[in-house]
């Protein structure tokens, strides 16, 4: 559970990250925006790397909350589409955080374990119902790779925030 101070620091870091990119994410800038002194940031997060890890973890928690939001269906293809839309929307809304998450996931693959497991479960249900043929793992890896590629592609460039996902 975040304290008010931790929330203020993470909110400031997220704001700087999305507004100005990763180079703006300095401890001094975060402290100034959050209205705290550097020792407070260091007390809660250790250093800038700890702040980034906390920001990524907070983003993952929010992402998974969205993925688990009530959807009104248990139909596996609809759930797979919903998860895809959540991922793309998240990347469009927070492209700098999404890029930071991808960078951290290279060093800590366990960060992607939960989102991947949810998506793989939907693919498994499609295979079990006969709507998708072939082995589950290659299909799940293909869906994952395609969604990650789409998120990276849509999240790049100056027009990324103005982009909108086509209506389904």
N, C-alpha and C. Protein backbone atom coordinates (compact mmCIF):
# COMPACT_ATOMS: atom_id res chain seq x y z
N UNK A 1 0.84 -1.18 0.00
CA UNK A 1 0.00 0.00 0.00
C UNK A 1 0.88 1.25 0.00
N UNK A 2 0.62 2.15 -0.93
CA UNK A 2 1.38 3.40 -1.02
C UNK A 2 0.96 4.36 0.07
N UNK A 3 1.95 5.07 0.60
CA UNK A 3 1.63 6.16 1.51
C UNK A 3 1.29 7.39 0.67
N UNK A 4 0.76 8.42 1.30
CA UNK A 4 0.47 9.66 0.57
C UNK A 4 1.73 10.24 -0.04
N UNK A 5 2.82 10.18 0.69
CA UNK A 5 4.09 10.72 0.18
C UNK A 5 4.57 9.91 -1.02
N UNK A 6 4.51 8.58 -0.91
CA UNK A 6 4.90 7.75 -2.05
C UNK A 6 4.03 8.03 -3.26
N UNK A 7 2.73 8.16 -3.03
CA UNK A 7 1.81 8.48 -4.14
C UNK A 7 2.16 9.81 -4.79
N UNK A 8 2.45 10.81 -3.98
CA UNK A 8 2.79 12.12 -4.53
C UNK A 8 4.07 12.04 -5.37
N UNK A 9 5.04 11.29 -4.88
CA UNK A 9 6.30 11.15 -5.62
C UNK A 9 6.07 10.39 -6.92
N UNK A 10 5.32 9.29 -6.85
CA UNK A 10 5.04 8.50 -8.06
C UNK A 10 4.18 9.27 -9.06
N UNK A 11 3.21 10.04 -8.55
CA UNK A 11 2.39 10.87 -9.44
C UNK A 11 3.27 11.88 -10.18
N UNK A 12 4.18 12.52 -9.43
CA UNK A 12 5.08 13.51 -10.05
C UNK A 12 5.98 12.84 -11.08
N UNK A 13 6.52 11.66 -10.75
CA UNK A 13 7.38 10.94 -11.68
C UNK A 13 6.62 10.56 -12.95
N UNK A 14 5.40 10.08 -12.78
CA UNK A 14 4.59 9.69 -13.94
C UNK A 14 4.29 10.90 -14.82
N UNK A 15 3.97 12.00 -14.19
CA UNK A 15 3.66 13.23 -14.94
C UNK A 15 4.88 13.69 -15.74
N UNK A 16 6.04 13.72 -15.11
CA UNK A 16 7.27 14.13 -15.81
C UNK A 16 7.60 13.16 -16.94
N UNK A 17 7.48 11.87 -16.66
CA UNK A 17 7.80 10.85 -17.66
C UNK A 17 6.95 11.01 -18.90
N UNK A 18 5.65 11.14 -18.74
CA UNK A 18 4.76 11.24 -19.90
C UNK A 18 4.86 12.59 -20.60
N UNK A 19 5.09 13.65 -19.85
CA UNK A 19 5.14 14.99 -20.45
C UNK A 19 6.46 15.25 -21.17
N UNK A 20 7.56 14.71 -20.64
CA UNK A 20 8.87 15.10 -21.17
C UNK A 20 9.80 13.94 -21.48
N UNK A 21 9.36 12.72 -21.25
CA UNK A 21 10.18 11.56 -21.57
C UNK A 21 11.11 11.16 -20.44
N UNK A 22 11.80 10.03 -20.62
CA UNK A 22 12.63 9.48 -19.56
C UNK A 22 13.78 10.39 -19.12
N UNK A 23 14.28 11.22 -20.01
CA UNK A 23 15.40 12.10 -19.63
C UNK A 23 14.97 13.13 -18.59
N UNK A 24 13.69 13.43 -18.52
CA UNK A 24 13.19 14.41 -17.54
C UNK A 24 12.97 13.79 -16.17
N UNK A 25 13.09 12.50 -16.09
CA UNK A 25 12.84 11.79 -14.84
C UNK A 25 14.10 11.81 -13.98
N UNK A 26 14.40 12.99 -13.44
CA UNK A 26 15.52 13.14 -12.53
C UNK A 26 14.99 13.24 -11.11
N UNK A 27 15.80 12.84 -10.15
CA UNK A 27 15.34 12.91 -8.77
C UNK A 27 15.04 14.35 -8.37
N UNK A 28 15.84 15.27 -8.86
CA UNK A 28 15.61 16.68 -8.53
C UNK A 28 14.26 17.16 -9.07
N UNK A 29 13.98 16.87 -10.33
CA UNK A 29 12.72 17.30 -10.94
C UNK A 29 11.52 16.66 -10.25
N UNK A 30 11.65 15.36 -9.94
CA UNK A 30 10.56 14.65 -9.26
C UNK A 30 10.32 15.26 -7.88
N UNK A 31 11.39 15.50 -7.15
CA UNK A 31 11.26 16.10 -5.81
C UNK A 31 10.62 17.48 -5.89
N UNK A 32 11.07 18.29 -6.84
CA UNK A 32 10.50 19.63 -6.99
C UNK A 32 9.00 19.55 -7.26
N UNK A 33 8.60 18.71 -8.19
CA UNK A 33 7.19 18.60 -8.56
C UNK A 33 6.35 18.00 -7.43
N UNK A 34 6.92 17.05 -6.71
CA UNK A 34 6.19 16.40 -5.62
C UNK A 34 6.20 17.23 -4.34
N UNK A 35 7.08 18.24 -4.29
CA UNK A 35 7.16 19.07 -3.09
C UNK A 35 7.83 18.37 -1.92
N UNK A 36 8.82 17.53 -2.23
CA UNK A 36 9.56 16.85 -1.18
C UNK A 36 11.06 17.09 -1.38
N UNK A 37 11.82 16.79 -0.38
CA UNK A 37 13.28 16.88 -0.46
C UNK A 37 13.85 15.54 -0.89
N UNK A 38 15.03 15.56 -1.44
CA UNK A 38 15.67 14.34 -1.94
C UNK A 38 15.75 13.23 -0.89
N UNK A 39 16.08 13.52 0.37
CA UNK A 39 16.12 12.42 1.35
C UNK A 39 14.79 11.68 1.48
N UNK A 40 13.69 12.38 1.26
CA UNK A 40 12.38 11.72 1.33
C UNK A 40 12.22 10.73 0.19
N UNK A 41 12.60 11.15 -1.01
CA UNK A 41 12.55 10.23 -2.15
C UNK A 41 13.45 9.03 -1.89
N UNK A 42 14.67 9.27 -1.43
CA UNK A 42 15.60 8.18 -1.18
C UNK A 42 15.10 7.26 -0.07
N UNK A 43 14.45 7.81 0.92
CA UNK A 43 13.89 7.00 2.00
C UNK A 43 12.85 6.01 1.47
N UNK A 44 12.01 6.47 0.56
CA UNK A 44 10.92 5.63 0.05
C UNK A 44 11.35 4.71 -1.09
N UNK A 45 12.28 5.16 -1.92
CA UNK A 45 12.59 4.40 -3.14
C UNK A 45 14.06 4.01 -3.28
N UNK A 46 14.92 4.48 -2.41
CA UNK A 46 16.33 4.13 -2.45
C UNK A 46 17.14 4.98 -3.39
N UNK A 47 16.76 5.01 -4.65
CA UNK A 47 17.46 5.80 -5.67
C UNK A 47 16.56 5.93 -6.89
N UNK A 48 17.09 6.50 -7.96
CA UNK A 48 16.29 6.68 -9.17
C UNK A 48 15.83 5.34 -9.75
N UNK A 49 16.71 4.34 -9.70
CA UNK A 49 16.32 3.01 -10.20
C UNK A 49 15.16 2.44 -9.40
N UNK A 50 15.19 2.64 -8.08
CA UNK A 50 14.10 2.18 -7.24
C UNK A 50 12.81 2.91 -7.55
N UNK A 51 12.93 4.20 -7.85
CA UNK A 51 11.76 4.99 -8.25
C UNK A 51 11.18 4.44 -9.55
N UNK A 52 12.04 4.16 -10.52
CA UNK A 52 11.58 3.59 -11.80
C UNK A 52 10.90 2.25 -11.57
N UNK A 53 11.51 1.40 -10.75
CA UNK A 53 10.90 0.08 -10.48
C UNK A 53 9.52 0.24 -9.85
N UNK A 54 9.39 1.18 -8.92
CA UNK A 54 8.10 1.42 -8.28
C UNK A 54 7.09 1.96 -9.28
N UNK A 55 7.53 2.82 -10.18
CA UNK A 55 6.65 3.38 -11.21
C UNK A 55 6.17 2.27 -12.15
N UNK A 56 7.07 1.39 -12.54
CA UNK A 56 6.72 0.27 -13.40
C UNK A 56 5.76 -0.67 -12.67
N UNK A 57 6.04 -0.96 -11.42
CA UNK A 57 5.17 -1.86 -10.64
C UNK A 57 3.78 -1.25 -10.49
N UNK A 58 3.72 0.04 -10.22
CA UNK A 58 2.42 0.72 -10.10
C UNK A 58 1.66 0.65 -11.43
N UNK A 59 2.37 0.86 -12.54
CA UNK A 59 1.75 0.76 -13.85
C UNK A 59 1.22 -0.63 -14.13
N UNK A 60 1.98 -1.66 -13.72
CA UNK A 60 1.54 -3.03 -13.91
C UNK A 60 0.27 -3.33 -13.11
N UNK A 61 0.21 -2.83 -11.89
CA UNK A 61 -0.98 -3.04 -11.05
C UNK A 61 -2.20 -2.39 -11.72
N UNK A 62 -2.04 -1.18 -12.22
CA UNK A 62 -3.14 -0.49 -12.90
C UNK A 62 -3.55 -1.23 -14.17
N UNK A 63 -2.57 -1.68 -14.94
CA UNK A 63 -2.83 -2.42 -16.17
C UNK A 63 -3.64 -3.68 -15.87
N UNK A 64 -3.22 -4.44 -14.86
CA UNK A 64 -3.92 -5.67 -14.52
C UNK A 64 -5.31 -5.39 -13.95
N UNK A 65 -5.48 -4.29 -13.25
CA UNK A 65 -6.81 -3.91 -12.77
C UNK A 65 -7.74 -3.70 -13.96
N UNK A 66 -7.24 -3.03 -14.99
CA UNK A 66 -8.06 -2.81 -16.19
C UNK A 66 -8.37 -4.13 -16.89
N UNK A 67 -7.37 -5.00 -16.99
CA UNK A 67 -7.59 -6.30 -17.67
C UNK A 67 -8.63 -7.13 -16.95
N UNK A 68 -8.75 -6.96 -15.65
CA UNK A 68 -9.70 -7.75 -14.87
C UNK A 68 -11.03 -7.06 -14.67
N UNK A 69 -11.19 -5.88 -15.25
CA UNK A 69 -12.45 -5.14 -15.10
C UNK A 69 -13.61 -5.98 -15.63
N UNK A 70 -14.78 -5.82 -15.06
CA UNK A 70 -15.94 -6.57 -15.57
C UNK A 70 -16.13 -6.35 -17.07
N UNK A 71 -16.33 -7.44 -17.77
CA UNK A 71 -16.42 -7.36 -19.23
C UNK A 71 -17.78 -7.76 -19.75
N UNK A 72 -18.61 -8.38 -18.95
CA UNK A 72 -19.94 -8.76 -19.39
C UNK A 72 -19.97 -10.01 -20.26
N UNK A 73 -18.84 -10.71 -20.39
CA UNK A 73 -18.80 -11.93 -21.18
C UNK A 73 -17.72 -12.85 -20.64
N UNK A 74 -17.88 -14.11 -20.90
CA UNK A 74 -16.84 -15.10 -20.60
C UNK A 74 -16.41 -15.78 -21.89
N UNK A 75 -16.87 -15.25 -23.03
CA UNK A 75 -16.54 -15.81 -24.34
C UNK A 75 -15.05 -15.55 -24.61
N UNK A 76 -14.24 -16.61 -24.83
CA UNK A 76 -12.79 -16.44 -24.90
C UNK A 76 -12.28 -15.48 -25.97
N UNK A 77 -12.91 -15.48 -27.14
CA UNK A 77 -12.44 -14.57 -28.18
C UNK A 77 -12.71 -13.12 -27.79
N UNK A 78 -13.86 -12.87 -27.20
CA UNK A 78 -14.17 -11.52 -26.73
C UNK A 78 -13.20 -11.09 -25.62
N UNK A 79 -12.87 -12.03 -24.74
CA UNK A 79 -11.91 -11.72 -23.67
C UNK A 79 -10.53 -11.44 -24.23
N UNK A 80 -10.14 -12.20 -25.24
CA UNK A 80 -8.84 -11.96 -25.90
C UNK A 80 -8.83 -10.58 -26.55
N UNK A 81 -9.90 -10.24 -27.23
CA UNK A 81 -10.01 -8.90 -27.84
C UNK A 81 -9.99 -7.80 -26.79
N UNK A 82 -10.71 -8.02 -25.70
CA UNK A 82 -10.74 -7.04 -24.62
C UNK A 82 -9.33 -6.81 -24.08
N UNK A 83 -8.59 -7.90 -23.84
CA UNK A 83 -7.22 -7.78 -23.34
C UNK A 83 -6.32 -7.05 -24.32
N UNK A 84 -6.50 -7.33 -25.61
CA UNK A 84 -5.73 -6.63 -26.65
C UNK A 84 -6.03 -5.13 -26.57
N UNK A 85 -7.31 -4.79 -26.52
CA UNK A 85 -7.70 -3.38 -26.45
C UNK A 85 -7.14 -2.68 -25.21
N UNK A 86 -7.16 -3.37 -24.08
CA UNK A 86 -6.60 -2.80 -22.85
C UNK A 86 -5.12 -2.50 -23.05
N UNK A 87 -4.40 -3.45 -23.64
CA UNK A 87 -2.96 -3.27 -23.85
C UNK A 87 -2.68 -2.10 -24.79
N UNK A 88 -3.39 -2.03 -25.89
CA UNK A 88 -3.16 -0.95 -26.85
C UNK A 88 -3.56 0.40 -26.24
N UNK A 89 -4.71 0.44 -25.58
CA UNK A 89 -5.14 1.70 -24.94
C UNK A 89 -4.12 2.17 -23.91
N UNK A 90 -3.62 1.25 -23.11
CA UNK A 90 -2.63 1.60 -22.09
C UNK A 90 -1.38 2.18 -22.74
N UNK A 91 -0.93 1.54 -23.82
CA UNK A 91 0.27 2.03 -24.53
C UNK A 91 0.03 3.40 -25.14
N UNK A 92 -1.18 3.65 -25.62
CA UNK A 92 -1.49 4.96 -26.21
C UNK A 92 -1.60 6.04 -25.14
N UNK A 93 -2.18 5.69 -24.01
CA UNK A 93 -2.38 6.66 -22.94
C UNK A 93 -1.08 6.99 -22.21
N UNK A 94 -0.21 6.00 -22.08
CA UNK A 94 1.03 6.18 -21.32
C UNK A 94 2.20 5.58 -22.09
N UNK A 95 2.54 6.17 -23.24
CA UNK A 95 3.59 5.56 -24.07
C UNK A 95 4.96 5.52 -23.40
N UNK A 96 5.30 6.53 -22.63
CA UNK A 96 6.62 6.52 -21.98
C UNK A 96 6.69 5.45 -20.89
N UNK A 97 5.63 5.30 -20.13
CA UNK A 97 5.60 4.26 -19.11
C UNK A 97 5.60 2.88 -19.77
N UNK A 98 4.87 2.73 -20.85
CA UNK A 98 4.85 1.44 -21.56
C UNK A 98 6.24 1.09 -22.07
N UNK A 99 6.96 2.07 -22.61
CA UNK A 99 8.33 1.82 -23.08
C UNK A 99 9.25 1.48 -21.90
N UNK A 100 9.07 2.18 -20.78
CA UNK A 100 9.87 1.89 -19.59
C UNK A 100 9.57 0.48 -19.09
N UNK A 101 8.30 0.09 -19.10
CA UNK A 101 7.92 -1.25 -18.68
C UNK A 101 8.61 -2.29 -19.57
N UNK A 102 8.59 -2.07 -20.88
CA UNK A 102 9.22 -3.01 -21.80
C UNK A 102 10.71 -3.13 -21.52
N UNK A 103 11.35 -2.02 -21.25
CA UNK A 103 12.78 -2.02 -20.93
C UNK A 103 13.05 -2.79 -19.64
N UNK A 104 12.24 -2.55 -18.62
CA UNK A 104 12.42 -3.26 -17.35
C UNK A 104 12.11 -4.75 -17.51
N UNK A 105 11.15 -5.09 -18.34
CA UNK A 105 10.78 -6.50 -18.53
C UNK A 105 11.90 -7.30 -19.19
N UNK A 106 12.75 -6.63 -19.95
CA UNK A 106 13.90 -7.34 -20.52
C UNK A 106 14.83 -7.84 -19.42
N UNK A 107 15.01 -7.03 -18.38
CA UNK A 107 15.87 -7.41 -17.27
C UNK A 107 15.13 -8.27 -16.24
N UNK A 108 13.81 -8.09 -16.18
CA UNK A 108 12.99 -8.82 -15.19
C UNK A 108 11.78 -9.43 -15.89
N UNK A 109 11.97 -10.53 -16.61
CA UNK A 109 10.87 -11.13 -17.37
C UNK A 109 9.66 -11.50 -16.52
N UNK A 110 9.85 -11.67 -15.23
CA UNK A 110 8.72 -12.02 -14.36
C UNK A 110 7.66 -10.92 -14.36
N UNK A 111 8.01 -9.72 -14.78
CA UNK A 111 7.02 -8.63 -14.86
C UNK A 111 5.89 -8.96 -15.83
N UNK A 112 6.20 -9.74 -16.85
CA UNK A 112 5.18 -10.06 -17.85
C UNK A 112 4.44 -11.37 -17.56
N UNK A 113 4.82 -12.05 -16.50
CA UNK A 113 4.24 -13.37 -16.22
C UNK A 113 2.72 -13.32 -16.05
N UNK A 114 2.23 -12.40 -15.26
CA UNK A 114 0.79 -12.33 -15.01
C UNK A 114 0.00 -11.93 -16.25
N UNK A 115 0.37 -10.84 -16.94
CA UNK A 115 -0.39 -10.50 -18.15
C UNK A 115 -0.34 -11.62 -19.20
N UNK A 116 0.82 -12.25 -19.34
CA UNK A 116 0.94 -13.34 -20.31
C UNK A 116 0.05 -14.51 -19.91
N UNK A 117 0.02 -14.84 -18.63
CA UNK A 117 -0.80 -15.97 -18.17
C UNK A 117 -2.28 -15.73 -18.44
N UNK A 118 -2.74 -14.50 -18.25
CA UNK A 118 -4.15 -14.18 -18.53
C UNK A 118 -4.44 -14.38 -20.02
N UNK A 119 -3.57 -13.82 -20.87
CA UNK A 119 -3.77 -13.95 -22.32
C UNK A 119 -3.68 -15.41 -22.74
N UNK A 120 -2.72 -16.16 -22.21
CA UNK A 120 -2.56 -17.56 -22.57
C UNK A 120 -3.79 -18.36 -22.17
N UNK A 121 -4.40 -18.01 -21.04
CA UNK A 121 -5.62 -18.69 -20.61
C UNK A 121 -6.74 -18.52 -21.62
N UNK A 122 -6.85 -17.34 -22.21
CA UNK A 122 -7.89 -17.12 -23.23
C UNK A 122 -7.59 -17.94 -24.48
N UNK A 123 -6.32 -17.99 -24.87
CA UNK A 123 -5.94 -18.80 -26.03
C UNK A 123 -6.21 -20.28 -25.74
N UNK A 124 -5.89 -20.72 -24.52
CA UNK A 124 -6.15 -22.11 -24.13
C UNK A 124 -7.63 -22.45 -24.27
N UNK A 125 -8.48 -21.54 -23.83
CA UNK A 125 -9.93 -21.78 -23.92
C UNK A 125 -10.38 -21.83 -25.38
N UNK A 126 -9.77 -21.04 -26.25
CA UNK A 126 -10.10 -21.10 -27.68
C UNK A 126 -9.69 -22.45 -28.27
N UNK A 127 -8.52 -22.96 -27.89
CA UNK A 127 -8.08 -24.27 -28.36
C UNK A 127 -8.99 -25.36 -27.80
N UNK A 128 -9.29 -25.28 -26.50
CA UNK A 128 -10.15 -26.30 -25.87
C UNK A 128 -11.54 -26.35 -26.50
N UNK A 129 -12.04 -25.20 -26.95
CA UNK A 129 -13.38 -25.17 -27.55
C UNK A 129 -13.36 -25.53 -29.04
N UNK A 130 -12.16 -25.78 -29.60
CA UNK A 130 -12.06 -26.15 -31.01
C UNK A 130 -12.09 -24.96 -31.96
N UNK A 131 -12.09 -23.76 -31.43
CA UNK A 131 -12.15 -22.57 -32.30
C UNK A 131 -10.78 -22.16 -32.80
N UNK A 132 -9.75 -22.73 -32.21
CA UNK A 132 -8.37 -22.48 -32.64
C UNK A 132 -7.68 -23.83 -32.63
N UNK A 133 -7.01 -24.15 -33.73
CA UNK A 133 -6.35 -25.46 -33.78
C UNK A 133 -4.85 -25.27 -33.61
N UNK A 134 -4.22 -26.34 -33.19
CA UNK A 134 -2.78 -26.30 -33.00
C UNK A 134 -2.41 -26.19 -31.54
N UNK A 135 -1.13 -26.26 -31.28
CA UNK A 135 -0.65 -26.18 -29.90
C UNK A 135 -0.88 -24.78 -29.29
N UNK A 136 -1.16 -24.76 -28.02
CA UNK A 136 -1.46 -23.51 -27.32
C UNK A 136 -0.25 -22.58 -27.25
N UNK A 137 0.90 -23.11 -26.88
CA UNK A 137 2.04 -22.24 -26.62
C UNK A 137 2.48 -21.43 -27.84
N UNK A 138 2.65 -22.04 -29.02
CA UNK A 138 3.00 -21.20 -30.17
C UNK A 138 1.93 -20.15 -30.50
N UNK A 139 0.67 -20.53 -30.35
CA UNK A 139 -0.41 -19.57 -30.62
C UNK A 139 -0.37 -18.42 -29.61
N UNK A 140 -0.17 -18.74 -28.36
CA UNK A 140 -0.10 -17.71 -27.32
C UNK A 140 1.09 -16.79 -27.56
N UNK A 141 2.24 -17.37 -27.90
CA UNK A 141 3.42 -16.53 -28.18
C UNK A 141 3.18 -15.62 -29.38
N UNK A 142 2.46 -16.12 -30.39
CA UNK A 142 2.17 -15.30 -31.57
C UNK A 142 1.24 -14.14 -31.21
N UNK A 143 0.21 -14.42 -30.43
CA UNK A 143 -0.71 -13.35 -30.00
C UNK A 143 0.05 -12.33 -29.17
N UNK A 144 0.88 -12.80 -28.25
CA UNK A 144 1.66 -11.90 -27.39
C UNK A 144 2.59 -11.02 -28.23
N UNK A 145 3.32 -11.65 -29.15
CA UNK A 145 4.25 -10.89 -29.99
C UNK A 145 3.52 -9.84 -30.83
N UNK A 146 2.39 -10.23 -31.39
CA UNK A 146 1.62 -9.29 -32.20
C UNK A 146 1.11 -8.12 -31.36
N UNK A 147 0.61 -8.41 -30.17
CA UNK A 147 0.09 -7.31 -29.34
C UNK A 147 1.21 -6.40 -28.88
N UNK A 148 2.36 -6.98 -28.53
CA UNK A 148 3.49 -6.16 -28.10
C UNK A 148 4.00 -5.29 -29.26
N UNK A 149 4.06 -5.87 -30.44
CA UNK A 149 4.47 -5.11 -31.61
C UNK A 149 3.51 -3.97 -31.91
N UNK A 150 2.22 -4.26 -31.81
CA UNK A 150 1.21 -3.23 -32.04
C UNK A 150 1.35 -2.10 -31.02
N UNK A 151 1.54 -2.47 -29.76
CA UNK A 151 1.68 -1.45 -28.71
C UNK A 151 2.90 -0.58 -28.95
N UNK A 152 4.02 -1.19 -29.33
CA UNK A 152 5.23 -0.41 -29.59
C UNK A 152 5.05 0.50 -30.80
N UNK A 153 4.46 -0.04 -31.85
CA UNK A 153 4.27 0.74 -33.07
C UNK A 153 3.31 1.90 -32.83
N UNK A 154 2.18 1.63 -32.18
CA UNK A 154 1.19 2.67 -31.93
C UNK A 154 1.68 3.70 -30.92
N UNK A 155 2.57 3.30 -30.03
CA UNK A 155 3.05 4.21 -28.99
C UNK A 155 4.21 5.07 -29.41
N UNK A 156 4.66 4.95 -30.67
CA UNK A 156 5.80 5.74 -31.13
C UNK A 156 5.34 6.96 -31.91
N UNK A 157 6.18 7.96 -31.93
CA UNK A 157 5.96 9.13 -32.77
C UNK A 157 5.09 10.19 -32.12
N UNK A 158 5.15 11.40 -32.68
CA UNK A 158 4.44 12.53 -32.08
C UNK A 158 2.93 12.42 -32.16
N UNK A 159 2.41 11.63 -33.07
CA UNK A 159 0.95 11.53 -33.20
C UNK A 159 0.37 10.38 -32.38
N UNK A 160 1.21 9.70 -31.62
CA UNK A 160 0.75 8.51 -30.89
C UNK A 160 -0.41 8.81 -29.95
N UNK A 161 -0.33 9.91 -29.25
CA UNK A 161 -1.39 10.21 -28.28
C UNK A 161 -2.69 10.59 -28.98
N UNK A 162 -2.59 11.04 -30.23
CA UNK A 162 -3.82 11.41 -30.95
C UNK A 162 -4.43 10.22 -31.67
N UNK A 163 -3.67 9.14 -31.77
CA UNK A 163 -4.17 7.95 -32.46
C UNK A 163 -5.34 7.36 -31.68
N UNK A 164 -6.23 6.77 -32.40
CA UNK A 164 -7.36 6.09 -31.76
C UNK A 164 -7.48 4.70 -32.35
N UNK A 165 -7.80 3.81 -31.51
CA UNK A 165 -8.02 2.43 -31.92
C UNK A 165 -9.31 2.38 -32.72
N UNK A 166 -9.31 1.67 -33.85
CA UNK A 166 -10.56 1.56 -34.61
C UNK A 166 -11.65 0.86 -33.80
N UNK A 167 -12.87 1.28 -33.97
CA UNK A 167 -14.00 0.65 -33.27
C UNK A 167 -14.13 -0.80 -33.74
N UNK A 168 -14.46 -1.70 -32.79
CA UNK A 168 -14.63 -3.10 -33.17
C UNK A 168 -16.03 -3.35 -33.65
